[in-house]
């Protein structure tokens, strides 16, 4: 299973050691936890951009499905982004920065809540998917149904589990994006309100929380640029002008991650103490410490 997973996801050889030392034991813990808990069991995973949370979620999905014979749903907060038209309307009505997907307030929170509650009550439901290449939700005709009897729901997201900030924390701009494009703090106050009112109430649906904790926000730039280079290599194979235009330059990557800085730094400072399990990462994304247990 492991060798096939590494090949399918084009992972470096070093992933095998990480999986054997950390992810397989985690999957076995999770299997035991699920066996002795009401179903479905919800696992929330937090990690900044490029931390490897999607890879971990996919690994757990494959292991639990293939090795433990469990029915598993693997979803990402990214699957619930609004379409471009809706975000453009938010940009027009509230603040121009909301045209860019990413922060709380740019997700279809009603769809998210309905999906999670349906899964929690054991109902079959369509599982949304978002096409990042097109910057729009995938056609509903391609959405899959959840299993009839779901055992585990894995839900990951870069700001999933993060709580709203105190009002006083919102006043000072933390980067040039906020200073230049959100001088009145309208954008960040709106994001904070959405987080408090719409996202936080859904956290109670999770049975356990896991965090992939970066050393600092500085690593995000390096990791996100590595992701973009990998995407560039994939698009080079497609070799079309449209594909090439979807790859960001390094300066564009730096501009893009500025949208995520505030809540990423807030998560690094506040979330570890509220998670059941924390994998502390080094600058190369190796796990160098483990705190807690699922």
Protein backbone atom coordinates (compact mmCIF):
# COMPACT_ATOMS: atom_id res chain seq x y z
CA UNK A 1 0.00 0.00 0.00
CA UNK A 2 2.75 2.45 0.99
CA UNK A 3 4.83 2.06 -2.18
CA UNK A 4 1.74 2.48 -4.33
CA UNK A 5 0.75 5.60 -2.40
CA UNK A 6 4.22 7.14 -2.83
CA UNK A 7 4.13 6.45 -6.56
CA UNK A 8 0.57 7.69 -7.03
CA UNK A 9 1.21 11.00 -5.25
CA UNK A 10 4.76 11.41 -6.62
CA UNK A 11 6.25 11.75 -3.15
CA UNK A 12 9.96 11.76 -2.28
CA UNK A 13 11.56 8.57 -1.01
CA UNK A 14 11.91 10.15 2.43
CA UNK A 15 8.12 9.94 2.84
CA UNK A 16 8.40 6.19 3.45
CA UNK A 17 10.28 6.71 6.71
CA UNK A 18 7.86 9.42 7.85
CA UNK A 19 4.92 7.17 7.09
CA UNK A 20 6.37 4.17 8.90
CA UNK A 21 7.49 6.13 11.96
CA UNK A 22 4.52 8.46 12.35
CA UNK A 23 1.60 8.10 9.95
CA UNK A 24 1.08 4.34 10.17
CA UNK A 25 1.05 4.39 14.00
CA UNK A 26 -1.39 7.29 13.80
CA UNK A 27 -3.62 5.34 11.43
CA UNK A 28 -3.60 2.36 13.80
CA UNK A 29 -4.46 4.62 16.75
CA UNK A 30 -7.28 6.11 14.74
CA UNK A 31 -8.56 2.64 13.81
CA UNK A 32 -8.70 1.66 17.47
CA UNK A 33 -10.35 4.96 18.38
CA UNK A 34 -13.01 4.55 15.71
CA UNK A 35 -13.74 0.98 16.77
CA UNK A 36 -14.56 2.15 20.29
CA UNK A 37 -16.43 5.36 19.42
CA UNK A 38 -19.84 6.26 17.99
CA UNK A 39 -19.69 6.55 14.21
CA UNK A 40 -18.91 8.47 12.18
CA UNK A 41 -15.74 9.65 13.90
CA UNK A 42 -14.62 13.14 12.80
CA UNK A 43 -10.92 14.02 12.65
CA UNK A 44 -10.03 17.68 12.10
CA UNK A 45 -6.60 18.44 10.66
CA UNK A 46 -4.98 21.87 10.67
CA UNK A 47 -1.80 22.86 8.89
CA UNK A 48 -0.51 25.94 7.11
CA UNK A 49 -0.03 26.04 3.35
CA UNK A 50 2.49 23.48 2.20
CA UNK A 51 2.71 21.67 5.55
CA UNK A 52 1.57 18.35 4.08
CA UNK A 53 -1.91 18.17 5.59
CA UNK A 54 -3.54 17.09 2.31
CA UNK A 55 -0.95 14.34 1.88
CA UNK A 56 -1.51 13.15 5.45
CA UNK A 57 -5.28 13.18 4.98
CA UNK A 58 -4.95 11.21 1.75
CA UNK A 59 -2.62 8.70 3.40
CA UNK A 60 -5.05 8.15 6.27
CA UNK A 61 -7.88 7.75 3.76
CA UNK A 62 -6.02 5.06 1.82
CA UNK A 63 -4.78 3.24 4.92
CA UNK A 64 -8.13 3.21 6.71
CA UNK A 65 -9.95 2.18 3.53
CA UNK A 66 -7.53 -0.48 2.31
CA UNK A 67 -5.95 -1.83 5.50
CA UNK A 68 -8.67 -1.30 8.12
CA UNK A 69 -11.61 -1.84 5.75
CA UNK A 70 -13.38 1.28 7.00
CA UNK A 71 -15.71 3.59 5.08
CA UNK A 72 -13.95 6.96 4.97
CA UNK A 73 -14.79 10.44 3.69
CA UNK A 74 -11.87 12.77 3.03
CA UNK A 75 -12.80 16.44 2.62
CA UNK A 76 -10.93 19.72 2.55
CA UNK A 77 -12.09 23.19 3.48
CA UNK A 78 -10.81 24.10 0.01
CA UNK A 79 -13.65 22.06 -1.50
CA UNK A 80 -16.13 24.67 -0.28
CA UNK A 81 -14.82 27.87 -1.85
CA UNK A 82 -17.37 30.14 -3.48
CA UNK A 83 -17.31 30.47 -7.24
CA UNK A 84 -15.70 33.50 -8.87
CA UNK A 85 -19.01 35.30 -9.41
CA UNK A 86 -19.95 35.13 -5.73
CA UNK A 87 -16.50 36.29 -4.64
CA UNK A 88 -16.63 39.17 -7.07
CA UNK A 89 -19.96 40.16 -5.55
CA UNK A 90 -18.43 40.04 -2.07
CA UNK A 91 -15.57 42.16 -3.37
CA UNK A 92 -18.03 44.71 -4.69
CA UNK A 93 -20.31 44.73 -1.65
CA UNK A 94 -17.81 44.41 1.21
CA UNK A 95 -14.12 44.62 0.28
CA UNK A 96 -12.03 44.05 -2.88
CA UNK A 97 -9.72 41.53 -1.16
CA UNK A 98 -12.61 39.06 -0.89
CA UNK A 99 -12.30 38.36 -4.61
CA UNK A 100 -9.32 36.14 -3.74
CA UNK A 101 -10.25 32.76 -2.30
CA UNK A 102 -8.65 31.66 0.95
CA UNK A 103 -9.82 33.42 4.09
CA UNK A 104 -13.00 32.76 6.10
CA UNK A 105 -15.85 34.40 4.29
CA UNK A 106 -14.80 33.06 0.88
CA UNK A 107 -16.30 29.61 1.55
CA UNK A 108 -19.87 28.48 1.01
CA UNK A 109 -20.48 28.06 4.73
CA UNK A 110 -24.09 26.92 4.26
CA UNK A 111 -22.98 24.09 1.99
CA UNK A 112 -20.19 23.25 4.42
CA UNK A 113 -22.51 23.13 7.44
CA UNK A 114 -25.14 21.09 5.60
CA UNK A 115 -22.53 18.59 4.39
CA UNK A 116 -20.91 18.10 7.80
CA UNK A 117 -24.23 17.81 9.63
CA UNK A 118 -25.52 15.28 7.09
CA UNK A 119 -22.39 13.19 7.56
CA UNK A 120 -22.60 13.49 11.34
CA UNK A 121 -26.16 12.15 11.35
CA UNK A 122 -25.23 9.26 9.07
CA UNK A 123 -27.02 10.50 5.99
CA UNK A 124 -25.69 10.03 2.49
CA UNK A 125 -24.74 13.33 0.90
CA UNK A 126 -22.93 14.68 -2.13
CA UNK A 127 -19.28 15.55 -1.47
CA UNK A 128 -18.34 18.92 -3.03
CA UNK A 129 -15.12 19.38 -4.98
CA UNK A 130 -13.38 22.58 -6.07
CA UNK A 131 -11.29 22.93 -9.22
CA UNK A 132 -8.38 25.23 -8.32
CA UNK A 133 -7.15 25.29 -11.89
CA UNK A 134 -10.44 26.85 -12.97
CA UNK A 135 -10.93 28.73 -9.67
CA UNK A 136 -14.49 27.47 -9.48
CA UNK A 137 -16.36 24.52 -7.96
CA UNK A 138 -16.22 21.37 -10.04
CA UNK A 139 -19.48 20.53 -11.85
CA UNK A 140 -21.94 18.80 -9.52
CA UNK A 141 -22.21 15.96 -12.00
CA UNK A 142 -18.72 14.98 -10.87
CA UNK A 143 -19.40 15.08 -7.13
CA UNK A 144 -19.48 11.67 -5.43
CA UNK A 145 -21.92 10.38 -2.83
CA UNK A 146 -20.63 9.63 0.64
CA UNK A 147 -20.72 5.96 1.69
CA UNK A 148 -23.98 4.65 3.13
CA UNK A 149 -22.38 3.89 6.49
CA UNK A 150 -19.47 6.26 7.00
CA UNK A 151 -17.02 5.25 9.74
CA UNK A 152 -14.58 8.17 9.56
CA UNK A 153 -14.70 11.73 8.26
CA UNK A 154 -11.33 13.43 7.74
CA UNK A 155 -11.63 17.19 7.34
CA UNK A 156 -8.56 19.34 6.76
CA UNK A 157 -7.99 23.02 6.20
CA UNK A 158 -5.37 25.72 6.63
CA UNK A 159 -7.56 27.70 9.06
CA UNK A 160 -9.73 24.82 10.28
CA UNK A 161 -9.87 24.92 14.07
CA UNK A 162 -8.59 28.48 14.33
CA UNK A 163 -10.55 30.80 16.61
CA UNK A 164 -11.35 34.46 16.03
CA UNK A 165 -8.94 37.11 17.24
CA UNK A 166 -9.66 39.73 19.89
CA UNK A 167 -10.70 43.08 18.43
CA UNK A 168 -7.53 44.78 19.69
CA UNK A 169 -5.40 42.34 17.68
CA UNK A 170 -7.06 43.40 14.44
CA UNK A 171 -6.10 47.07 14.61
CA UNK A 172 -2.43 46.95 13.55
CA UNK A 173 -1.64 45.78 10.01
CA UNK A 174 0.76 42.84 10.03
CA UNK A 175 2.03 43.10 6.44
CA UNK A 176 2.05 45.38 3.42
CA UNK A 177 -1.13 43.81 2.00
CA UNK A 178 -3.11 44.88 5.04
CA UNK A 179 -1.38 48.26 5.29
CA UNK A 180 -1.97 49.18 1.65
CA UNK A 181 -5.19 47.37 0.75
CA UNK A 182 -7.00 47.20 4.08
CA UNK A 183 -6.04 50.46 5.79
CA UNK A 184 -9.45 50.72 7.51
CA UNK A 185 -9.32 47.07 8.67
CA UNK A 186 -12.66 46.37 6.96
CA UNK A 187 -11.45 43.14 5.34
CA UNK A 188 -9.81 41.62 8.39
CA UNK A 189 -12.74 42.55 10.65
CA UNK A 190 -15.15 40.90 8.21
CA UNK A 191 -12.98 37.76 8.05
CA UNK A 192 -12.81 37.66 11.85
CA UNK A 193 -16.60 37.96 12.17
CA UNK A 194 -17.16 35.12 9.72
CA UNK A 195 -14.72 32.97 11.63
CA UNK A 196 -16.44 33.62 14.96
CA UNK A 197 -20.04 33.34 13.78
CA UNK A 198 -19.96 30.64 11.09
CA UNK A 199 -16.82 28.52 11.34
CA UNK A 200 -16.23 28.10 15.08
CA UNK A 201 -19.68 26.55 15.76
CA UNK A 202 -18.79 23.73 13.33
CA UNK A 203 -15.63 22.81 15.25
CA UNK A 204 -17.71 21.00 17.86
CA UNK A 205 -18.51 18.35 15.25
CA UNK A 206 -14.90 17.16 15.35
CA UNK A 207 -14.08 14.30 17.74
CA UNK A 208 -10.31 14.79 17.62
CA UNK A 209 -7.93 17.46 16.39
CA UNK A 210 -4.50 17.10 14.80
CA UNK A 211 -2.10 19.87 13.83
CA UNK A 212 0.94 19.90 11.57
CA UNK A 213 2.78 22.78 13.21
CA UNK A 214 5.28 24.77 11.15
CA UNK A 215 8.27 26.39 12.89
CA UNK A 216 7.04 29.81 11.79
CA UNK A 217 5.17 31.61 9.03
CA UNK A 218 8.50 32.21 7.25
CA UNK A 219 8.44 28.57 6.16
CA UNK A 220 5.17 29.05 4.33
CA UNK A 221 6.84 31.11 1.60
CA UNK A 222 9.41 28.39 0.94
CA UNK A 223 6.89 25.54 1.07
CA UNK A 224 4.32 27.33 -1.08
CA UNK A 225 6.96 28.15 -3.69
CA UNK A 226 7.97 24.48 -3.77
CA UNK A 227 4.32 23.59 -4.41
CA UNK A 228 4.18 26.06 -7.28
CA UNK A 229 7.35 24.66 -8.83
CA UNK A 230 5.85 21.18 -8.67
CA UNK A 231 2.72 22.51 -10.34
CA UNK A 232 4.85 24.19 -13.01
CA UNK A 233 6.54 20.87 -13.78
CA UNK A 234 3.15 19.18 -14.11
CA UNK A 235 1.82 21.94 -16.36
CA UNK A 236 4.91 21.74 -18.55
CA UNK A 237 3.79 18.25 -19.46
CA UNK A 238 0.39 19.61 -20.53
CA UNK A 239 2.30 22.27 -22.48
CA UNK A 240 -0.50 24.70 -23.19
CA UNK A 241 -0.64 28.46 -22.84
CA UNK A 242 -3.68 28.20 -20.58
CA UNK A 243 -1.89 25.79 -18.24
CA UNK A 244 1.23 27.94 -18.10
CA UNK A 245 -0.80 31.01 -17.17
CA UNK A 246 -2.08 29.24 -14.05
CA UNK A 247 1.40 28.94 -12.53
CA UNK A 248 2.45 31.79 -10.25
CA UNK A 249 5.82 33.48 -10.24
CA UNK A 250 7.77 33.70 -6.98
CA UNK A 251 6.67 37.30 -6.44
CA UNK A 252 3.04 36.29 -7.04
CA UNK A 253 3.40 33.51 -4.49
CA UNK A 254 4.74 36.01 -1.94
CA UNK A 255 1.79 38.30 -2.59
CA UNK A 256 -0.67 35.42 -2.33
CA UNK A 257 0.50 34.07 1.01
CA UNK A 258 0.11 37.54 2.57
CA UNK A 259 -3.64 36.84 2.63
CA UNK A 260 -2.98 33.89 4.96
CA UNK A 261 -0.36 35.39 7.28
CA UNK A 262 -2.60 36.78 10.02
CA UNK A 263 -4.56 33.63 10.73
CA UNK A 264 -1.57 31.33 10.17
CA UNK A 265 0.45 33.16 12.83
CA UNK A 266 -2.60 33.20 15.10
CA UNK A 267 -2.97 29.44 14.63
CA UNK A 268 0.68 28.76 15.41
CA UNK A 269 0.36 30.75 18.63
CA UNK A 270 -2.97 29.44 19.90
CA UNK A 271 -4.01 26.16 18.30
CA UNK A 272 -1.42 23.62 19.56
CA UNK A 273 -2.73 23.71 23.13
CA UNK A 274 -6.24 22.91 21.90
CA UNK A 275 -5.27 19.98 19.67
CA UNK A 276 -5.19 16.36 20.77
CA UNK A 277 -2.09 15.63 18.70
CA UNK A 278 0.57 17.98 17.32
CA UNK A 279 3.27 17.00 14.84
CA UNK A 280 5.94 19.67 15.17
CA UNK A 281 7.76 20.18 11.85
CA UNK A 282 11.22 21.48 11.06
CA UNK A 283 12.01 23.72 8.10
CA UNK A 284 12.21 20.70 5.79
CA UNK A 285 8.79 19.46 6.96
CA UNK A 286 10.30 16.58 8.91
CA UNK A 287 8.50 15.70 12.14
CA UNK A 288 10.92 16.46 14.97
CA UNK A 289 8.53 16.26 17.94
CA UNK A 290 5.14 14.78 18.79
CA UNK A 291 2.88 16.20 21.48
CA UNK A 292 -0.27 14.41 22.61
CA UNK A 293 -2.27 11.53 21.20
CA UNK A 294 -5.44 11.08 19.14
